[in-house]
Protein backbone atom coordinates (compact mmCIF):
# COMPACT_ATOMS: atom_id res chain seq x y z
CA MET A 1 -0.23 0.02 0.05
CA ALA A 2 1.44 3.50 -0.83
CA GLN A 3 2.72 5.42 1.84
CA GLU A 4 1.85 9.18 2.00
CA LEU A 5 4.23 11.84 2.53
CA VAL A 6 2.83 14.69 4.59
CA ILE A 7 4.02 17.95 5.84
CA PRO A 8 4.99 17.66 9.57
CA ARG A 9 4.59 20.23 12.11
CA LEU A 10 8.09 21.86 12.83
CA GLY A 11 7.03 23.76 15.81
CA TRP A 12 4.16 24.27 18.44
CA SER A 13 2.43 27.31 16.61
CA MET A 14 3.10 26.09 13.16
CA GLU A 15 0.15 25.88 10.80
CA GLU A 16 1.89 26.12 7.27
CA GLY A 17 5.07 26.39 5.62
CA VAL A 18 6.56 26.77 2.05
CA PHE A 19 7.41 23.71 0.00
CA ALA A 20 11.11 24.54 -1.26
CA GLU A 21 12.28 21.59 -3.16
CA TRP A 22 12.46 17.57 -3.53
CA LEU A 23 15.71 16.06 -2.53
CA LYS A 24 14.87 12.88 -4.36
CA SER A 25 13.83 12.51 -8.11
CA PRO A 26 10.39 10.95 -8.83
CA GLY A 27 10.97 7.29 -9.45
CA GLU A 28 13.94 7.24 -7.19
CA PHE A 29 14.15 4.63 -4.40
CA VAL A 30 14.22 6.32 -0.93
CA ARG A 31 15.37 4.38 2.15
CA ALA A 32 14.05 4.97 5.69
CA GLY A 33 15.96 7.78 7.28
CA GLU A 34 16.87 9.43 4.17
CA MET A 35 16.04 13.21 3.55
CA VAL A 36 13.23 13.54 1.06
CA PHE A 37 12.37 17.04 0.75
CA VAL A 38 12.93 20.59 2.21
CA LEU A 39 10.25 22.60 4.00
CA GLU A 40 10.60 26.15 5.01
CA GLY A 41 9.20 27.05 8.43
CA GLU A 42 8.69 30.34 10.06
CA LYS A 43 12.31 30.85 10.71
CA ALA A 44 14.47 28.40 8.84
CA ALA A 45 14.50 25.67 6.18
CA HIS A 46 14.51 22.01 7.14
CA GLU A 47 15.36 18.77 5.44
CA ILE A 48 12.53 16.43 6.06
CA GLU A 49 13.36 12.61 6.84
CA SER A 50 11.13 9.71 5.43
CA PHE A 51 9.81 7.17 7.95
CA ASP A 52 9.76 4.37 5.18
CA SER A 53 11.28 3.07 1.98
CA GLY A 54 9.81 3.06 -1.42
CA TYR A 55 9.95 4.72 -4.72
CA LEU A 56 9.12 8.25 -4.81
CA CYS A 57 5.88 9.20 -6.69
CA VAL A 58 5.03 12.97 -7.16
CA PRO A 59 1.87 13.33 -8.91
CA ALA A 60 1.09 16.24 -11.19
CA ASP A 61 -0.98 18.12 -8.50
CA ALA A 62 1.72 17.89 -5.86
CA PRO A 63 3.04 21.14 -4.34
CA LYS A 64 5.66 23.02 -6.34
CA PRO A 65 8.80 24.72 -5.13
CA GLY A 66 7.68 28.01 -3.47
CA GLU A 67 4.15 27.26 -2.95
CA PRO A 68 2.52 27.29 0.50
CA VAL A 69 1.59 24.01 2.22
CA LYS A 70 -0.42 23.21 5.49
CA VAL A 71 0.53 20.74 8.18
CA GLY A 72 -0.71 17.44 7.51
CA GLN A 73 -1.05 18.07 3.62
CA VAL A 74 0.08 15.07 1.45
CA VAL A 75 2.80 16.02 -0.98
CA GLY A 76 3.85 12.56 -2.43
CA PHE A 77 3.81 8.90 -2.00
CA LEU A 78 6.31 6.15 -1.49
CA LEU A 79 5.42 2.98 -3.55
CA ALA A 80 6.54 -0.58 -3.42
CA GLU A 81 8.07 -2.00 -6.56
CA GLY A 82 5.45 -2.63 -9.36
CA GLU A 83 2.73 -0.77 -7.25
CA ALA A 84 0.27 1.56 -9.22
CA ALA A 85 1.07 5.27 -8.75
CA PRO A 86 -1.90 7.32 -7.21
CA ALA A 87 -2.95 10.07 -9.81
CA SER A 88 -3.54 12.78 -7.20
CA VAL A 89 -2.34 14.09 -3.66
CA GLY A 90 -5.75 15.20 -3.13
CA LYS A 91 -7.07 11.74 -2.85
CA PRO A 92 -5.30 10.24 0.33
CA PHE A 93 -5.58 6.48 0.97
CA SER A 94 -6.84 7.00 4.48
CA PRO A 95 -9.49 9.46 5.61
CA ILE A 96 -8.03 9.97 9.02
CA ALA A 97 -4.85 12.01 9.49
CA PRO A 98 -1.71 10.13 10.20
CA ALA A 99 -1.20 9.01 13.71
CA PRO A 100 2.27 9.42 15.59
CA THR A 101 4.33 6.18 16.12
CA ALA A 102 4.55 6.82 19.84
CA VAL A 103 1.74 7.06 22.27
CA THR A 104 3.22 9.37 24.98
CA PRO A 105 6.77 10.96 23.82
CA GLN A 106 8.59 13.16 26.19
CA ILE A 107 6.97 16.73 25.88
CA HIS A 108 10.26 18.50 26.79
CA ARG A 109 12.37 16.55 24.32
CA PRO A 110 11.66 17.69 20.65
CA PRO A 111 12.76 15.25 18.02
CA GLN A 112 16.23 15.81 16.74
CA ARG A 113 15.06 15.72 13.07
CA PRO A 114 11.84 16.56 11.82
CA VAL A 115 10.18 13.65 9.87
CA ALA A 116 7.66 13.27 7.25
CA ALA A 117 5.05 11.33 8.76
CA THR A 118 3.32 8.17 6.89
CA THR A 119 0.22 5.93 7.70
CA PRO A 120 1.12 2.30 7.96
CA ALA A 121 -1.26 0.25 9.73
CA SER A 122 1.45 -0.54 12.50
CA ALA A 123 1.65 3.13 13.41
CA MET A 124 -1.97 3.09 14.87
CA PRO A 125 -1.69 2.73 18.70
CA THR A 126 -3.03 -0.59 20.20
CA VAL A 127 -3.52 0.57 23.67
CA PRO A 128 -6.27 2.91 24.99
CA ARG A 129 -5.40 6.64 24.15
CA ALA A 130 -5.15 9.14 26.84
CA ALA A 131 -8.42 11.37 26.53
CA GLY A 132 -10.47 13.54 28.95
CA PRO A 133 -14.00 12.70 30.00
CA SER A 134 -15.39 15.26 27.28
CA ALA A 135 -13.25 14.01 24.48
CA ARG A 136 -14.24 10.32 25.50
CA ARG A 137 -18.05 11.49 25.62
CA LEU A 138 -17.73 13.21 22.21
CA ALA A 139 -16.08 10.20 20.79
CA ARG A 140 -18.92 8.11 21.89
CA GLN A 141 -21.55 10.31 20.41
CA LEU A 142 -19.84 10.57 17.16
CA GLY A 143 -18.84 6.89 16.89
CA ILE A 144 -15.26 7.65 16.77
CA ASP A 145 -12.51 5.05 17.88
CA LEU A 146 -10.10 7.12 20.12
CA ASN A 147 -7.09 4.77 19.09
CA ALA A 148 -7.62 5.90 15.56
CA VAL A 149 -7.79 9.56 16.24
CA TYR A 150 -4.62 11.90 15.48
CA THR A 151 -3.68 14.61 17.86
CA PRO A 152 -0.78 17.00 17.62
CA ASP A 153 -0.49 17.34 21.39
CA PRO A 154 3.17 16.17 22.27
CA THR A 155 1.77 14.03 25.05
CA GLY A 156 -0.64 12.07 22.97
CA ARG A 157 -3.58 13.03 24.86
CA VAL A 158 -6.64 13.37 22.60
CA LEU A 159 -8.77 16.58 22.91
CA CYS A 160 -12.33 17.36 21.86
CA GLU A 161 -11.25 19.14 18.61
CA ASP A 162 -9.17 16.05 17.59
CA VAL A 163 -12.17 13.80 17.92
CA GLN A 164 -14.26 16.53 16.01
CA ARG A 165 -11.59 16.78 13.23
CA SER A 166 -11.45 12.83 12.86
CA ALA A 167 -15.26 12.89 12.54
CA ASP A 168 -15.20 15.60 10.07
CA ALA A 169 -12.58 13.75 7.95
CA ARG A 170 -14.62 10.65 7.94
CA LEU A 171 -17.69 12.76 6.77
CA ARG A 172 -15.70 14.37 4.19
CA SER A 173 -14.89 11.07 2.51
CA THR A 174 -18.66 10.46 2.16
CA PRO A 175 -20.02 12.12 -1.08
CA GLN A 176 -23.34 12.90 0.21
CA ASN A 177 -21.99 14.64 3.05
CA GLN A 178 -19.56 17.03 1.20
CA GLY A 179 -20.22 20.89 1.78
CA VAL A 180 -22.43 20.28 4.95
CA LEU A 181 -19.45 20.12 7.52
CA ARG A 182 -19.90 22.52 10.31
CA PRO A 183 -16.73 24.79 10.60
CA ILE A 184 -14.06 23.88 13.32
CA ALA A 185 -12.37 26.46 15.27
CA THR A 186 -9.44 26.08 17.76
CA PRO A 187 -10.12 27.24 21.49
CA ARG A 188 -7.91 30.10 21.03
CA ALA A 189 -9.57 31.18 17.97
CA ARG A 190 -13.06 30.83 19.68
CA ARG A 191 -11.83 32.84 22.64
CA ARG A 192 -10.37 35.61 20.53
CA ALA A 193 -13.56 35.71 18.50
CA ARG A 194 -15.67 36.37 21.57
CA GLU A 195 -13.25 38.91 22.71
CA LEU A 196 -13.44 40.92 19.23
CA GLY A 197 -17.09 40.21 18.59
CA VAL A 198 -16.52 38.13 15.66
CA ASP A 199 -18.90 35.25 14.51
CA TRP A 200 -16.31 32.58 13.68
CA THR A 201 -18.81 30.23 12.35
CA GLN A 202 -19.03 32.56 9.43
CA LEU A 203 -15.13 32.46 8.65
CA VAL A 204 -13.27 30.21 6.28
CA GLY A 205 -10.56 28.28 7.99
CA THR A 206 -6.94 28.34 6.88
CA GLY A 207 -5.66 25.82 9.44
CA ARG A 208 -5.23 22.10 8.89
CA ASN A 209 -8.52 20.38 7.31
CA GLY A 210 -10.10 23.95 7.07
CA ARG A 211 -9.82 24.49 10.75
CA ILE A 212 -10.38 28.12 11.92
CA CYS A 213 -7.33 29.53 13.65
CA GLU A 214 -6.82 32.84 15.66
CA ARG A 215 -5.18 34.36 12.43
CA ASP A 216 -8.42 33.97 10.69
CA VAL A 217 -10.42 35.71 13.40
CA LEU A 218 -7.75 38.51 13.24
CA ALA A 219 -7.84 38.72 9.68
CA ARG A 220 -11.61 39.18 9.46
CA GLN A 221 -11.47 41.88 12.34
CA ALA A 222 -8.82 43.98 10.14
CA ASP A 223 -10.32 46.25 7.45
CA ALA A 224 -9.26 44.96 4.02
CA ALA A 225 -9.63 48.52 2.56
CA THR A 226 -6.41 49.62 4.27
CA ASN A 227 -4.50 46.55 3.04
CA ARG A 228 -4.14 45.02 6.64
CA TYR A 229 -2.62 48.46 7.86
CA GLU A 230 -5.25 48.69 10.53
CA THR A 231 -4.71 46.92 13.80
CA SER A 232 -7.14 44.32 15.43
CA LYS A 233 -8.84 47.22 17.26
CA GLY A 234 -9.97 48.87 14.02
CA LEU A 235 -7.60 51.85 14.40
CA SER A 236 -6.82 53.73 11.15
CA PRO A 237 -3.56 55.39 10.19
CA THR A 238 -3.24 58.99 11.22
CA ALA A 239 -1.05 60.04 8.44
CA PRO A 240 -0.02 58.82 4.77
CA GLY A 241 2.58 56.56 4.56
CA ARG A 242 4.24 53.57 2.71
CA TYR A 243 2.89 50.11 3.67
CA ALA A 244 5.08 47.13 3.44
CA PRO A 245 3.69 43.58 4.37
CA ALA A 246 5.56 41.71 7.04
CA SER A 247 7.62 38.82 6.27
CA ARG A 248 6.94 35.41 7.45
CA LEU A 249 9.54 35.74 10.07
CA ARG A 250 8.40 38.96 11.17
CA GLN A 251 4.73 37.76 11.45
CA ALA A 252 5.96 34.97 13.50
CA LEU A 253 7.79 37.07 15.91
CA ALA A 254 4.77 39.34 16.22
CA GLN A 255 2.59 36.31 17.15
CA ARG A 256 5.23 35.04 19.71
CA MET A 257 5.74 38.42 21.27
CA LEU A 258 1.85 39.03 21.34
CA ALA A 259 1.36 35.65 23.03
CA GLY A 260 4.14 36.49 25.46
CA CYS A 261 2.03 39.53 26.81
CA GLN A 262 -1.51 38.25 26.40
CA GLN A 263 -1.48 34.49 27.15
CA ALA A 264 0.81 34.73 30.26
CA ALA A 265 0.93 36.86 33.43
CA PRO A 266 4.22 38.65 32.99
CA VAL A 267 5.93 40.56 35.81
CA THR A 268 9.52 42.18 35.51
CA LEU A 269 11.80 42.87 38.20
CA MET A 270 14.69 44.94 37.83
CA THR A 271 18.17 45.05 40.00
CA LYS A 272 21.52 46.72 39.81
CA VAL A 273 24.46 44.62 40.54
CA ASP A 274 28.02 45.44 41.14
CA ALA A 275 29.99 44.42 38.06
CA ALA A 276 33.46 45.07 39.03
CA ALA A 277 34.36 41.50 39.73
CA LEU A 278 32.75 40.53 36.35
CA VAL A 279 34.87 42.91 34.57
CA ALA A 280 38.09 41.94 36.00
CA TYR A 281 37.32 38.34 35.48
CA ARG A 282 36.83 38.78 31.77
CA GLU A 283 39.89 40.92 31.43
CA ARG A 284 41.90 38.12 33.03
CA LEU A 285 40.43 35.73 30.45
CA LYS A 286 41.40 37.92 27.56
CA GLN A 287 45.03 38.07 28.95
CA GLU A 288 45.25 34.23 29.67
CA GLY A 289 43.41 32.99 26.59
CA ALA A 290 42.81 29.33 25.75
CA GLY A 291 43.19 28.82 22.14
CA GLY A 292 39.47 29.45 21.50
CA PRO A 293 37.07 32.30 21.69
CA ILE A 294 37.36 34.60 24.55
CA PRO A 295 34.14 34.27 26.37
CA SER A 296 31.99 37.57 26.29
CA TYR A 297 30.01 39.02 29.20
CA ASN A 298 27.04 37.33 27.57
CA ASP A 299 28.52 33.79 27.71
CA ILE A 300 29.55 34.34 31.18
CA LEU A 301 26.15 35.37 32.20
CA ILE A 302 24.45 32.41 30.28
CA PHE A 303 26.93 30.10 32.32
CA LEU A 304 25.92 31.74 35.66
CA ALA A 305 22.06 31.87 34.87
CA ALA A 306 22.49 28.08 33.90
CA GLN A 307 23.99 27.20 37.24
CA MET A 308 21.24 29.19 39.17
CA LEU A 309 18.44 27.53 36.88
CA ARG A 310 19.92 24.23 38.01
CA GLU A 311 20.08 24.90 41.67
CA ALA A 312 16.70 26.88 41.84
CA PRO A 313 14.76 25.33 38.97
CA GLU A 314 11.43 27.39 39.67
CA LEU A 315 12.21 29.49 36.58
CA ASN A 316 13.21 26.36 34.50
CA ALA A 317 9.63 25.56 33.74
CA GLY A 318 6.49 26.64 31.81
CA TRP A 319 2.59 26.96 32.20
CA TYR A 320 1.05 23.63 30.58
CA ARG A 321 -2.56 22.53 30.81
CA GLU A 322 -3.35 24.25 34.07
CA GLY A 323 -0.36 23.11 35.69
CA VAL A 324 3.45 23.75 36.06
CA LEU A 325 5.76 21.71 33.80
CA ARG A 326 9.28 21.43 35.16
CA TYR A 327 12.12 20.83 32.56
CA ASP A 328 14.59 18.26 32.97
CA GLN A 329 17.24 20.14 30.99
CA VAL A 330 18.59 23.58 31.12
CA ASN A 331 18.57 24.81 27.68
CA VAL A 332 19.26 28.54 27.53
CA ALA A 333 18.13 30.40 24.26
CA THR A 334 20.02 33.71 23.49
CA ALA A 335 18.49 36.31 21.34
CA VAL A 336 20.46 37.20 18.14
CA ASP A 337 19.86 40.22 16.01
CA THR A 338 19.79 39.20 12.17
CA GLU A 339 18.73 41.15 9.24
CA SER A 340 15.38 39.42 9.00
CA GLY A 341 14.80 39.71 12.76
CA VAL A 342 15.64 38.49 16.22
CA LEU A 343 16.32 34.75 16.47
CA ALA A 344 16.83 32.82 19.76
CA PRO A 345 19.01 29.88 19.15
CA VAL A 346 19.30 27.50 22.06
CA VAL A 347 22.43 26.55 23.88
CA ARG A 348 21.49 22.96 25.14
CA GLU A 349 22.27 21.71 28.63
CA ALA A 350 24.20 25.00 29.33
CA ASP A 351 24.48 23.94 33.07
CA LYS A 352 26.72 21.18 31.98
CA LEU A 353 29.20 23.20 29.81
CA THR A 354 32.25 25.37 30.73
CA VAL A 355 32.34 28.99 30.02
CA PHE A 356 34.67 28.44 27.08
CA GLN A 357 32.38 25.75 25.72
CA ILE A 358 29.52 28.12 25.83
CA ALA A 359 31.39 30.72 24.09
CA GLN A 360 32.40 28.27 21.35
CA ARG A 361 28.57 27.24 20.99
CA THR A 362 27.33 30.61 20.83
CA ARG A 363 29.74 31.87 18.18
CA GLN A 364 28.34 28.91 15.96
CA LEU A 365 24.82 29.76 16.70
CA ILE A 366 25.44 33.52 15.94
CA ALA A 367 27.21 32.61 12.62
CA GLN A 368 24.30 30.45 11.54
CA ALA A 369 21.59 32.63 12.56
CA ARG A 370 23.01 35.63 10.51
CA SER A 371 23.69 33.44 7.55
CA GLY A 372 20.21 31.91 7.67
CA ARG A 373 21.57 28.23 8.22
CA LEU A 374 19.84 27.77 11.61
CA THR A 375 18.05 24.48 11.96
CA GLN A 376 14.61 23.99 13.49
CA ASN A 377 16.27 21.81 16.24
CA GLU A 378 18.64 24.56 17.22
CA LEU A 379 15.67 26.82 17.52
CA GLU A 380 13.53 24.60 19.65
CA GLY A 381 13.73 23.41 23.20
CA GLY A 382 14.58 26.34 25.07
CA THR A 383 13.72 26.66 28.67
CA PHE A 384 14.78 30.08 29.48
CA THR A 385 15.99 32.97 27.37
CA ILE A 386 18.54 35.69 27.83
CA SER A 387 18.28 38.88 25.84
CA ASN A 388 21.40 41.32 26.04
CA LEU A 389 21.00 44.87 24.82
CA GLY A 390 24.04 46.54 26.72
CA MET A 391 26.20 46.88 23.79
CA PHE A 392 23.57 49.31 22.51
CA GLY A 393 23.81 51.40 25.50
CA VAL A 394 20.68 50.36 27.07
CA ASP A 395 20.57 50.43 30.87
CA ALA A 396 17.44 48.45 31.46
CA PHE A 397 14.29 47.09 29.54
CA THR A 398 11.50 44.95 30.00
CA PRO A 399 11.93 41.61 27.91
CA ILE A 400 8.87 39.71 26.73
CA LEU A 401 8.38 36.11 27.48
CA ASN A 402 9.18 33.42 24.90
CA LEU A 403 6.37 30.88 25.49
CA PRO A 404 6.08 28.39 26.86
CA GLN A 405 9.11 29.33 28.72
CA ALA A 406 8.42 31.02 32.32
CA GLY A 407 11.25 33.56 32.49
CA VAL A 408 13.53 35.63 30.32
CA LEU A 409 16.44 37.80 31.64
CA GLY A 410 17.37 40.98 29.91
CA ILE A 411 20.71 42.37 30.31
CA GLY A 412 21.65 46.02 30.14
CA ARG A 413 25.25 47.65 29.84
CA ILE A 414 27.94 47.74 32.25
CA ALA A 415 27.96 51.44 33.48
CA GLU A 416 30.74 53.35 35.31
CA GLU A 417 29.11 55.25 38.21
CA PRO A 418 29.53 56.08 41.85
CA VAL A 419 29.03 53.17 44.35
CA VAL A 420 29.24 52.56 48.10
CA ARG A 421 31.68 50.02 49.30
CA SER A 422 32.49 49.46 52.87
CA GLY A 423 30.89 52.82 53.65
CA ARG A 424 32.83 54.77 51.15
CA MET A 425 31.87 56.40 47.80
CA GLU A 426 34.02 55.44 44.84
CA ILE A 427 33.79 55.04 41.11
CA GLY A 428 32.68 51.52 40.08
CA GLN A 429 30.88 49.42 37.46
CA THR A 430 27.36 48.30 37.71
CA ILE A 431 25.04 46.20 35.54
CA THR A 432 21.08 46.04 35.55
CA LEU A 433 19.30 42.83 35.25
CA SER A 434 15.55 42.52 34.18
CA LEU A 435 13.82 39.43 35.02
CA THR A 436 10.43 38.82 33.30
CA PHE A 437 8.62 35.74 34.75
CA ASP A 438 5.26 34.17 34.31
CA HIS A 439 3.35 34.73 37.60
CA ARG A 440 1.16 31.52 36.74
CA VAL A 441 4.13 29.57 37.14
CA LEU A 442 5.65 31.13 40.26
CA ASP A 443 5.29 34.13 42.69
CA GLY A 444 7.23 37.21 43.25
CA ALA A 445 9.33 36.02 46.18
CA PRO A 446 10.85 32.98 44.62
CA ALA A 447 11.42 35.01 41.39
CA ALA A 448 13.18 37.67 43.38
CA ARG A 449 15.39 35.14 45.23
CA TRP A 450 16.41 33.83 41.85
CA LEU A 451 17.35 37.05 40.72
CA GLN A 452 19.11 37.92 44.03
CA GLY A 453 21.04 34.82 43.74
CA LEU A 454 22.25 35.48 40.26
CA GLY A 455 23.25 39.07 41.24
CA GLN A 456 25.41 37.46 44.01
CA ARG A 457 27.02 35.21 41.55
CA ILE A 458 27.98 38.16 39.13
CA ALA A 459 29.34 40.10 42.08
CA ALA A 460 31.40 37.21 43.14
CA ALA A 461 32.55 36.56 39.56
CA SER A 462 36.35 36.44 40.63
CA ALA A 463 35.61 34.10 43.12
CA GLN A 464 34.18 31.88 40.49
CA SER A 465 37.15 31.84 38.09
CA ILE A 466 38.28 28.41 38.91
CA VAL A 467 35.05 26.91 38.44
CA LEU A 468 34.31 29.12 35.24
CA ALA A 469 37.54 27.93 33.47
CA GLN A 470 37.21 24.29 34.12
């Protein structure tokens, strides 16, 4: 039986991407584990791996390079030798979306490489699927087998919308029911529709299987007469100007930043820390050298923050399904300014690296980010973020949460100013730290203690020199 090649979900918020190119020629034999096509996501291009082996079949109506594609869309097939080739990608062999091969994958460990999902019978789970009471009740009402329901949830838990999507897919495969399916909307889209007074039942969905997403609600709210220049509140431009549509990266950044403000309970704490020891330690590193890159202030702060996250893990967490998810790894994302927009590649298990290893890794990530060569794996899996604007002369700022992370640390410049030491006024060096945290995950006191502990580590950086250099 022909195996479908479908567009995988590369990120938690991804609904669509751009098909870039085939890495194999039609008719060429593809082995399991080989890269078969390139997909452009919101921030990077990714080579997609095949689960199965077979001869590549690309029907005439398959997506062409540069065309947009949706998550779950069929783009081609893998055939056994002598098997008849399907005439169209629009007629999949299964009316139900592909099921994941694992029932309960680790939610905090994203896959190392994105893969093109297929639908072999063996991939269907054989044990009862995890589902809430409402999802089970809806499945009974609609006659849906929970074991045959596909869910994008990383834990494998089936939600009501997954059951409804499966039921609609079954109805869609019946000719007499075509055109009479009621629209499906995500919970976020329904919530936003209530806030904006938009009737979502009248919208045309752009999500998977025609699902109505939040962006569809926002698009309806915007006035098409101003070419999307108006905001979701209906405010008109106050003066003439030149409109330029946002790039895919800028749109993704806008959605993430808006989510960090609206879907969390952000609170920002600021403190000023004596940075004399930090400056002295870095000067000593520059003089000693080690044959590799000299750690920057940002590298040292990543090291210190990672150590704090390991010892006080309250901030190494996220809000998930009305509860707190504590991450097992300390993966620190660091904001990088690029021509296309800010990216946040991840230094994985930073608490287990020396400051010199962190310096080497950040140099690689920064070079890849600015040359457009970051992979999705290098952008995913962060548990905490550091954003440094000190090099631009900024003293302090309010960083925005990078959901689903619970904390982001803003770093200001190292300023020369009067300080009091041992009751005496003298010229010293200070640095301002700005910690934004999600108040749903932790309260102000533990967040303040964490920031205080980091400040003490920075003030005693010279005492950390042996540890830092190891």
